Protein backbone atom coordinates (compact mmCIF):
# COMPACT_ATOMS: atom_id res chain seq x y z
CA MET A 1 132.12 46.97 5.09
CA ALA A 2 133.90 46.08 1.97
CA SER A 3 134.42 42.31 1.49
CA HIS A 4 132.75 41.34 4.65
CA ARG A 5 129.62 42.77 3.59
CA ALA A 6 129.43 40.51 0.46
CA ARG A 7 129.34 37.62 2.90
CA ARG A 8 127.18 39.39 5.13
CA TYR A 9 124.42 40.31 2.83
CA THR A 10 124.72 37.48 0.05
CA TYR A 11 125.13 34.46 2.06
CA GLY A 12 121.86 35.31 4.09
CA GLY A 13 119.83 36.78 1.41
CA VAL A 14 117.71 39.87 1.32
CA PHE A 15 114.78 38.32 3.18
CA LEU A 16 117.08 37.77 6.33
CA LEU A 17 118.50 41.13 6.10
CA ILE A 18 114.88 42.86 6.17
CA ALA A 19 113.82 40.66 9.04
CA ALA A 20 116.92 41.44 11.04
CA ALA A 21 116.56 45.06 10.29
CA VAL A 22 113.01 45.23 11.26
CA LEU A 23 113.66 43.24 14.61
CA THR A 24 116.60 45.54 15.29
CA ALA A 25 114.41 48.78 14.89
CA LEU A 26 111.81 47.34 17.13
CA ILE A 27 114.20 46.50 19.80
CA PHE A 28 116.54 49.62 19.77
CA SER A 29 114.90 52.51 17.97
CA GLY A 30 112.65 53.49 20.64
CA LEU A 31 115.09 53.22 23.57
CA GLY A 32 116.53 56.30 25.25
CA PRO A 33 120.14 56.11 26.40
CA ILE A 34 121.29 52.90 27.96
CA SER A 35 124.17 54.79 29.52
CA SER A 36 126.38 57.63 28.71
CA HIS A 37 129.42 56.84 30.86
CA ALA A 38 132.77 55.17 29.50
CA GLU A 39 132.94 51.25 29.77
CA ALA A 40 136.50 51.66 30.99
CA SER A 41 138.96 54.24 31.87
CA VAL A 42 141.02 55.17 29.03
CA GLY A 43 144.67 55.96 28.79
CA ALA A 44 146.73 58.37 26.80
CA GLN A 45 145.79 59.52 23.27
CA THR A 46 147.92 57.23 21.15
CA TRP A 47 146.84 58.34 17.61
CA SER A 48 144.79 61.16 15.92
CA ASP A 49 144.24 63.01 12.88
CA GLU A 50 142.69 66.50 13.02
CA PHE A 51 143.01 66.96 9.26
CA ASN A 52 144.70 70.28 9.38
CA GLY A 53 146.28 71.27 6.14
CA PRO A 54 145.74 73.41 2.95
CA ALA A 55 142.48 72.94 0.87
CA GLY A 56 142.82 70.50 -1.93
CA SER A 57 145.80 68.58 -0.22
CA ALA A 58 145.90 64.78 0.26
CA PRO A 59 145.37 63.05 3.57
CA SER A 60 148.51 62.40 5.40
CA ALA A 61 150.53 59.57 3.85
CA VAL A 62 152.10 58.94 7.16
CA LYS A 63 148.55 58.24 8.55
CA TRP A 64 146.47 56.71 5.80
CA LYS A 65 146.99 54.63 2.66
CA ALA A 66 144.42 54.64 -0.09
CA GLU A 67 143.16 51.25 -1.26
CA THR A 68 142.30 51.14 -5.04
CA GLY A 69 140.12 49.04 -7.33
CA GLY A 70 136.66 48.28 -8.70
CA SER A 71 136.26 44.63 -7.51
CA GLY A 72 132.86 45.45 -5.72
CA SER A 73 134.42 44.14 -2.59
CA GLY A 74 132.21 41.05 -2.97
CA ASN A 75 129.16 43.23 -2.30
CA SER A 76 128.37 44.27 -5.76
CA GLU A 77 129.46 47.71 -5.03
CA LEU A 78 129.51 49.98 -8.03
CA GLN A 79 132.31 52.40 -7.32
CA TYR A 80 135.95 52.37 -8.22
CA TYR A 81 138.16 53.39 -5.06
CA THR A 82 140.97 55.77 -6.42
CA ASP A 83 143.89 57.64 -4.64
CA SER A 84 143.05 60.69 -6.31
CA ARG A 85 142.44 64.07 -4.41
CA ASN A 86 139.26 64.37 -6.48
CA ASN A 87 137.90 61.63 -4.08
CA ALA A 88 139.76 62.29 -0.69
CA ALA A 89 141.36 65.47 0.23
CA LEU A 90 141.46 68.05 3.01
CA ASP A 91 139.02 71.11 2.69
CA GLY A 92 141.46 73.66 4.44
CA LYS A 93 139.01 73.95 7.52
CA GLY A 94 140.11 71.03 9.51
CA HIS A 95 138.37 68.34 7.67
CA LEU A 96 138.76 65.24 5.62
CA VAL A 97 136.34 65.08 2.68
CA ILE A 98 135.64 61.70 0.84
CA THR A 99 133.62 62.41 -2.10
CA ALA A 100 131.65 59.81 -4.20
CA ARG A 101 131.23 61.03 -7.78
CA LYS A 102 129.17 59.91 -10.65
CA GLY A 103 131.19 59.17 -14.03
CA ASN A 104 134.42 57.76 -15.04
CA PRO A 105 136.80 60.35 -16.54
CA SER A 106 139.82 58.12 -16.21
CA GLY A 107 138.31 55.06 -17.77
CA TYR A 108 138.41 52.58 -14.90
CA ASP A 109 137.12 49.13 -15.18
CA CYS A 110 134.91 47.56 -12.62
CA TRP A 111 133.69 44.07 -12.00
CA TYR A 112 130.51 44.71 -14.13
CA GLY A 113 132.39 46.68 -17.04
CA PRO A 114 133.41 50.36 -17.22
CA CYS A 115 132.91 52.06 -13.73
CA GLN A 116 129.96 54.36 -13.29
CA TYR A 117 131.15 55.92 -10.03
CA THR A 118 134.33 56.79 -8.17
CA SER A 119 135.12 57.13 -4.40
CA ALA A 120 137.88 56.53 -1.83
CA LYS A 121 138.65 54.04 0.80
CA LEU A 122 141.34 55.05 3.29
CA THR A 123 142.98 52.68 5.84
CA THR A 124 145.60 52.54 8.63
CA ALA A 125 146.57 48.97 7.83
CA HIS A 126 150.27 49.76 7.05
CA THR A 127 150.52 52.69 9.32
CA PHE A 128 148.80 52.26 12.72
CA THR A 129 147.11 49.26 14.56
CA GLN A 130 145.96 48.99 18.03
CA ALA A 131 144.33 46.38 20.45
CA TYR A 132 141.78 47.93 23.06
CA GLY A 133 141.03 51.51 24.00
CA ARG A 134 138.63 54.23 22.56
CA PHE A 135 138.25 54.61 18.75
CA GLU A 136 136.16 57.69 17.75
CA ALA A 137 135.34 59.89 14.75
CA ARG A 138 133.27 62.87 14.38
CA ILE A 139 131.69 62.76 10.90
CA LYS A 140 128.84 64.21 8.80
CA VAL A 141 127.67 61.59 6.48
CA PRO A 142 126.42 61.95 3.02
CA ARG A 143 122.93 61.18 1.87
CA GLY A 144 120.90 59.41 -0.86
CA GLN A 145 119.61 56.10 -2.07
CA GLY A 146 122.54 53.83 -2.55
CA ILE A 147 125.03 55.76 -0.67
CA TRP A 148 127.00 53.79 2.06
CA PRO A 149 129.47 55.52 4.31
CA ALA A 150 131.42 53.84 6.98
CA PHE A 151 133.97 53.98 9.79
CA TRP A 152 135.09 50.52 10.77
CA MET A 153 138.04 48.30 11.77
CA LEU A 154 139.46 44.89 10.90
CA GLY A 155 141.88 42.51 12.63
CA GLU A 156 145.36 43.25 11.31
CA ASP A 157 145.82 39.37 10.82
CA ILE A 158 143.32 39.16 8.06
CA GLY A 159 145.95 38.16 5.48
CA ARG A 160 146.96 35.39 7.59
CA VAL A 161 143.80 33.87 8.97
CA GLY A 162 141.16 35.34 6.58
CA TRP A 163 137.72 37.01 7.39
CA PRO A 164 136.03 36.58 9.66
CA ALA A 165 138.47 34.73 11.91
CA ASN A 166 140.33 38.03 12.09
CA GLY A 167 137.16 39.84 13.49
CA GLU A 168 135.57 43.04 12.30
CA ILE A 169 134.21 46.24 14.35
CA ASP A 170 131.82 48.47 12.41
CA ILE A 171 131.75 51.50 14.43
CA MET A 172 129.25 53.38 11.98
CA GLU A 173 127.47 52.24 9.00
CA ASN A 174 124.72 54.23 7.33
CA ILE A 175 122.68 53.52 4.10
CA GLY A 176 120.98 56.14 2.22
CA ARG A 177 117.50 54.71 2.49
CA GLU A 178 117.75 54.99 6.31
CA PRO A 179 118.78 58.56 6.74
CA GLY A 180 117.93 58.67 10.55
CA LYS A 181 119.70 55.28 11.65
CA VAL A 182 123.35 54.12 11.88
CA HIS A 183 124.35 50.48 12.64
CA GLY A 184 127.07 49.19 14.95
CA SER A 185 128.20 45.44 14.44
CA LEU A 186 130.76 42.71 15.18
CA HIS A 187 131.65 40.00 12.82
CA GLY A 188 133.48 37.00 13.91
CA PRO A 189 133.55 33.09 13.19
CA GLY A 190 129.88 31.83 13.39
CA TYR A 191 128.24 35.30 13.53
CA SER A 192 129.01 37.12 10.32
CA GLY A 193 127.43 37.36 6.99
CA SER A 194 123.62 37.84 7.54
CA ASP A 195 123.90 36.95 11.23
CA PRO A 196 126.53 39.47 12.91
CA LEU A 197 126.14 40.82 16.18
CA THR A 198 124.50 44.23 15.65
CA ALA A 199 122.32 46.98 16.75
CA SER A 200 121.15 50.41 15.42
CA TYR A 201 120.72 53.88 16.81
CA ARG A 202 117.93 56.19 15.49
CA LEU A 203 117.84 60.01 15.75
CA ARG A 204 114.49 61.25 17.37
CA GLY A 205 112.35 63.67 15.81
CA GLY A 206 112.87 62.62 12.11
CA LYS A 207 116.32 63.96 11.99
CA ASP A 208 118.69 62.81 9.40
CA PHE A 209 122.49 61.99 10.25
CA ALA A 210 123.40 63.85 7.28
CA ASP A 211 122.11 67.18 8.67
CA GLY A 212 125.14 67.65 10.86
CA PHE A 213 128.13 66.18 12.62
CA HIS A 214 127.93 63.19 15.05
CA THR A 215 130.44 61.51 16.97
CA TYR A 216 130.90 57.62 16.69
CA ARG A 217 133.03 55.73 18.93
CA VAL A 218 133.59 52.27 20.60
CA ASP A 219 135.11 51.58 23.89
CA TRP A 220 136.98 48.24 23.60
CA THR A 221 138.24 46.35 26.52
CA PRO A 222 139.68 42.54 26.73
CA GLY A 223 136.02 41.54 27.57
CA SER A 224 133.67 43.87 25.89
CA ILE A 225 132.96 46.44 23.04
CA THR A 226 130.47 49.14 23.58
CA PHE A 227 129.08 51.48 20.78
CA PHE A 228 128.06 54.96 21.21
CA VAL A 229 126.60 57.94 19.33
CA ASP A 230 127.22 61.42 20.47
CA GLY A 231 128.23 59.98 23.92
CA VAL A 232 125.00 57.82 24.26
CA LYS A 233 125.61 54.02 24.55
CA TYR A 234 123.29 51.89 22.53
CA GLU A 235 124.97 48.61 22.39
CA ARG A 236 127.43 46.55 24.49
CA ARG A 237 128.84 43.03 23.28
CA THR A 238 130.64 40.58 25.35
CA PRO A 239 131.89 36.86 24.70
CA SER A 240 128.74 35.73 26.68
CA ASP A 241 126.78 37.01 23.46
CA VAL A 242 128.39 34.09 21.41
CA PRO A 243 128.68 31.17 23.73
CA GLY A 244 131.02 28.45 22.25
CA LYS A 245 132.13 30.71 19.46
CA PRO A 246 135.42 32.55 19.09
CA TRP A 247 135.83 36.22 20.22
CA PRO A 248 138.53 37.31 17.97
CA TYR A 249 138.78 40.85 19.48
CA ASP A 250 142.15 40.35 21.54
CA HIS A 251 144.66 41.59 18.92
CA PRO A 252 145.44 44.75 17.01
CA PHE A 253 142.91 46.19 14.42
CA TYR A 254 143.39 48.91 11.93
CA MET A 255 140.86 51.56 11.01
CA ILE A 256 138.98 52.25 7.67
CA LEU A 257 137.11 55.25 6.29
CA ASN A 258 135.00 54.81 3.14
CA VAL A 259 132.16 55.80 1.04
CA ALA A 260 130.73 52.84 -1.01
CA VAL A 261 128.00 53.44 -3.77
CA GLY A 262 125.57 50.57 -4.56
CA GLY A 263 125.84 47.05 -3.13
CA THR A 264 123.44 44.38 -2.01
CA TRP A 265 122.64 45.93 1.18
CA PRO A 266 121.79 49.80 0.34
CA GLY A 267 120.68 49.07 -3.20
CA SER A 268 121.93 51.20 -6.25
CA PRO A 269 121.37 54.88 -6.56
CA ASP A 270 118.24 55.94 -8.20
CA ALA A 271 116.88 59.23 -9.97
CA SER A 272 116.66 60.76 -6.45
CA THR A 273 120.27 60.39 -5.91
CA ARG A 274 122.33 63.57 -6.20
CA PHE A 275 126.22 63.48 -6.92
CA PRO A 276 128.58 64.38 -5.62
CA GLN A 277 128.16 63.12 -2.16
CA GLN A 278 130.59 63.82 0.46
CA MET A 279 131.59 62.29 3.91
CA ILE A 280 133.13 65.15 5.89
CA VAL A 281 135.42 63.91 8.90
CA ASP A 282 136.17 66.35 11.55
CA HIS A 283 138.61 64.24 13.45
CA VAL A 284 139.73 60.56 14.23
CA ARG A 285 141.17 59.89 17.61
CA VAL A 286 142.42 56.82 19.40
CA HIS A 287 143.23 56.40 23.20
CA ALA A 288 144.84 53.65 24.97
CA TRP A 289 142.58 51.39 27.24
CA LYS A 290 143.34 51.01 31.01
CA ASP A 291 141.14 48.95 33.30
CA GLY A 292 138.95 50.55 35.90
CA GLY A 293 140.91 48.76 38.76
CA GLY A 294 144.34 50.50 37.71
CA LYS A 295 145.91 47.07 36.87
CA GLY A 296 148.44 47.10 34.26
CA ASP A 297 150.22 50.03 32.79
CA GLY A 298 147.50 51.45 30.43
CA ALA A 299 149.85 51.16 27.52
CA ALA A 300 148.16 50.53 24.07
CA ALA A 301 149.21 47.45 22.03
CA ARG A 302 151.32 48.70 19.17
CA THR A 303 152.22 46.73 16.03
CA GLY A 304 155.30 46.93 13.74
CA ARG A 305 158.95 46.21 13.38
CA ILE A 306 161.34 45.72 16.21
CA THR A 307 164.76 46.93 15.11
CA GLY A 308 168.12 46.45 16.63
CA ILE A 309 171.71 46.69 15.96
CA GLY A 310 172.59 47.73 12.36
CA GLY A 311 168.75 48.51 11.71
CA MET A 312 168.21 44.71 11.48
CA CYS A 313 164.77 43.38 12.36
CA VAL A 314 163.68 40.92 14.80
CA ASP A 315 162.50 38.11 12.78
CA VAL A 316 160.69 34.68 13.21
CA ALA A 317 162.89 32.20 11.11
CA GLY A 318 161.26 30.95 8.02
CA ALA A 319 158.14 32.81 8.92
CA SER A 320 157.02 29.57 10.77
CA SER A 321 154.48 29.77 13.47
CA ALA A 322 155.35 26.48 14.77
CA ASP A 323 156.36 26.14 18.57
CA ARG A 324 159.93 26.62 19.23
CA THR A 325 160.86 28.31 15.94
CA PRO A 326 163.98 30.34 16.56
CA ILE A 327 163.86 34.17 16.87
CA GLN A 328 166.70 35.87 14.81
CA LEU A 329 167.89 39.23 13.36
CA HIS A 330 167.17 39.54 9.58
CA THR A 331 167.09 42.26 7.07
CA CYS A 332 163.86 44.13 7.23
CA THR A 333 161.33 42.92 4.72
CA GLY A 334 158.02 44.02 6.26
CA ASN A 335 156.43 40.59 6.13
CA ALA A 336 154.34 39.08 8.95
CA ALA A 337 157.26 37.42 10.49
CA GLN A 338 158.52 40.90 11.48
CA ARG A 339 155.22 42.34 12.61
CA TRP A 340 155.35 42.34 16.50
CA THR A 341 152.57 43.45 18.82
CA VAL A 342 153.97 45.00 22.05
CA HIS A 343 151.82 45.41 25.07
CA GLY A 344 153.75 47.78 27.10
CA ASN A 345 154.82 45.47 29.98
CA GLY A 346 153.91 41.97 28.92
CA PRO A 347 153.91 39.58 26.29
CA ILE A 348 155.34 40.46 22.65
CA LYS A 349 153.52 38.57 19.96
CA ALA A 350 153.79 37.83 16.26
CA LEU A 351 152.08 35.11 14.07
CA GLY A 352 149.67 34.56 16.87
CA LYS A 353 152.29 33.31 19.37
CA CYS A 354 154.67 34.86 21.76
CA LEU A 355 158.41 35.79 22.32
CA ASP A 356 159.55 33.16 24.65
CA VAL A 357 162.65 32.19 26.52
CA SER A 358 163.38 28.53 25.77
CA GLY A 359 162.47 26.20 28.42
CA GLY A 360 161.64 29.07 30.88
CA SER A 361 165.39 29.49 31.49
CA THR A 362 166.87 32.27 33.30
CA ALA A 363 170.43 31.61 32.30
CA THR A 364 172.66 33.95 30.15
CA GLY A 365 172.67 32.50 26.67
CA ALA A 366 169.14 30.95 26.81
CA LYS A 367 167.86 31.02 23.34
CA ILE A 368 164.59 32.88 22.34
CA GLN A 369 161.81 31.23 20.47
CA LEU A 370 158.25 31.66 19.32
CA TYR A 371 155.95 29.68 21.50
CA ARG A 372 152.18 29.54 22.19
CA CYS A 373 151.29 32.27 24.55
CA ASN A 374 150.86 30.89 28.17
CA GLY A 375 151.27 33.88 30.51
CA THR A 376 154.42 32.57 32.09
CA GLY A 377 157.42 34.54 33.20
CA ALA A 378 159.35 33.46 30.10
CA GLN A 379 156.94 35.65 27.81
CA GLN A 380 157.02 38.87 29.90
CA TRP A 381 159.11 41.72 28.68
CA LYS A 382 159.67 45.19 30.02
CA PRO A 383 160.84 47.95 27.69
CA THR A 384 163.07 50.26 29.52
CA SER A 385 163.93 54.18 28.97
CA GLU A 386 167.50 52.86 27.86
CA HIS A 387 165.77 51.18 24.93
CA THR A 388 166.65 47.53 26.23
CA LEU A 389 163.87 44.78 26.80
CA VAL A 390 164.14 43.17 30.13
CA ASN A 391 162.75 39.82 31.02
CA PRO A 392 161.77 40.58 34.71
CA LYS A 393 161.82 36.59 35.67
CA SER A 394 165.38 36.43 34.93
CA GLY A 395 166.52 40.15 35.33
CA LYS A 396 168.42 39.89 31.94
CA CYS A 397 167.85 41.61 28.63
CA LEU A 398 167.29 40.63 25.23
CA GLY A 399 170.36 40.37 23.14
CA THR A 400 172.06 38.92 20.17
CA GLU A 401 174.40 35.65 20.25
CA ASP A 402 177.99 36.65 20.44
CA ASN A 403 177.00 40.40 19.93
CA GLY A 404 176.18 39.45 16.29
CA SER A 405 174.51 41.75 13.86
CA THR A 406 174.12 39.52 10.68
CA ASP A 407 171.36 37.79 9.06
CA GLY A 408 170.38 34.75 10.86
CA THR A 409 171.98 35.85 14.27
CA ARG A 410 169.95 34.22 17.14
CA LEU A 411 168.48 36.13 19.95
CA GLN A 412 169.16 35.04 23.50
CA LEU A 413 169.08 36.24 27.10
CA SER A 414 172.12 38.38 28.06
CA ARG A 415 173.42 40.03 31.17
CA CYS A 416 172.19 43.71 30.93
CA THR A 417 175.06 45.89 29.97
CA GLY A 418 173.62 48.47 27.57
CA ASP A 419 175.69 47.43 24.78
CA ALA A 420 174.39 48.12 21.15
CA HIS A 421 173.45 44.46 20.70
CA GLN A 422 170.64 44.96 23.32
CA LYS A 423 169.20 48.34 22.02
CA TRP A 424 165.87 47.99 20.52
CA SER A 425 163.50 50.32 18.76
CA LEU A 426 159.91 49.32 19.27
CA PRO A 427 156.63 50.10 17.23
């Protein structure tokens, strides 16, 4: 959705889109359930929003942030995304309502001139990311020509590596001219734009998705992503579907809910389209992933700051992704050099590389650095109930040089004592 759709449907052109849609319909629309079981056992629930709150109140600012603007997202979309409760609010009945409206009372400017429509786009980019697990939402989609609701995810490193290298998972997309069909897609390097990995699911009996609530989900493991509607599996993708091409689904993603109006794929609203149109969301829930063999601890990957003594952040010096870059304490700034992904017991990553003990040393005082991930014991870390981070290979704790707490203090292995310089708050 959003900017990826620009590349998806403008690079390939409308002819390829129509051909792909026809082929997809022939392959998938007449199929019954492929399977209804989970692709992998899931762990504990790690995040949810049940949208409980007074009617007219804004979505939780702790969980969602509104993206604003009328750039068209590269797709020639017509709406201006606002942060107004006129476009995204709770209904007092346990639902989030995203409303697309015709008109422009606030005088917003869009890429084509004065905006004709407003809507909302909510993301967890700055509040929650996770790698692997189950991601689901129960949604009643809007209807009408030119209306484009979506529930989707983007790799959190998009600002650093760009699209589609970051990866994209479209859990559900629907366009108004296909009221009985939803699409599930993956976009990555070499299979994006007009040629993603994609399939569709069609309701039987001529029913429309806008007639009621349906549950859309993906089960995401390190080796597969599987799409479901109402518990029915209709698509499963693995790296074997893109031989020789990257599979960028190995790091945290964030979630997005939005309703676009117009665009190259759905086309513009016409005289049959009625406004306002509403996407009603009953819940969004996320669970951790745990493999079926019981290996691993089932903990979800979480991304954010690691803070230590004095509230200082664990930081990659100079925000450099080069091997052997020192790891230090630094005043928290929120930049990518301080966004760490923690996988329970295992590696801790930032800037695409791992927190590493220099030279694989087990000695007290061994310096901590950034290094390409290699799965060795020098890159394994175990959080404890005492808020320490233990390197199992050495049996020592992550600490600061000379018990320091100032900007630029290096991190090192230390004999575990439980002192303040060894206490860490994880995402």
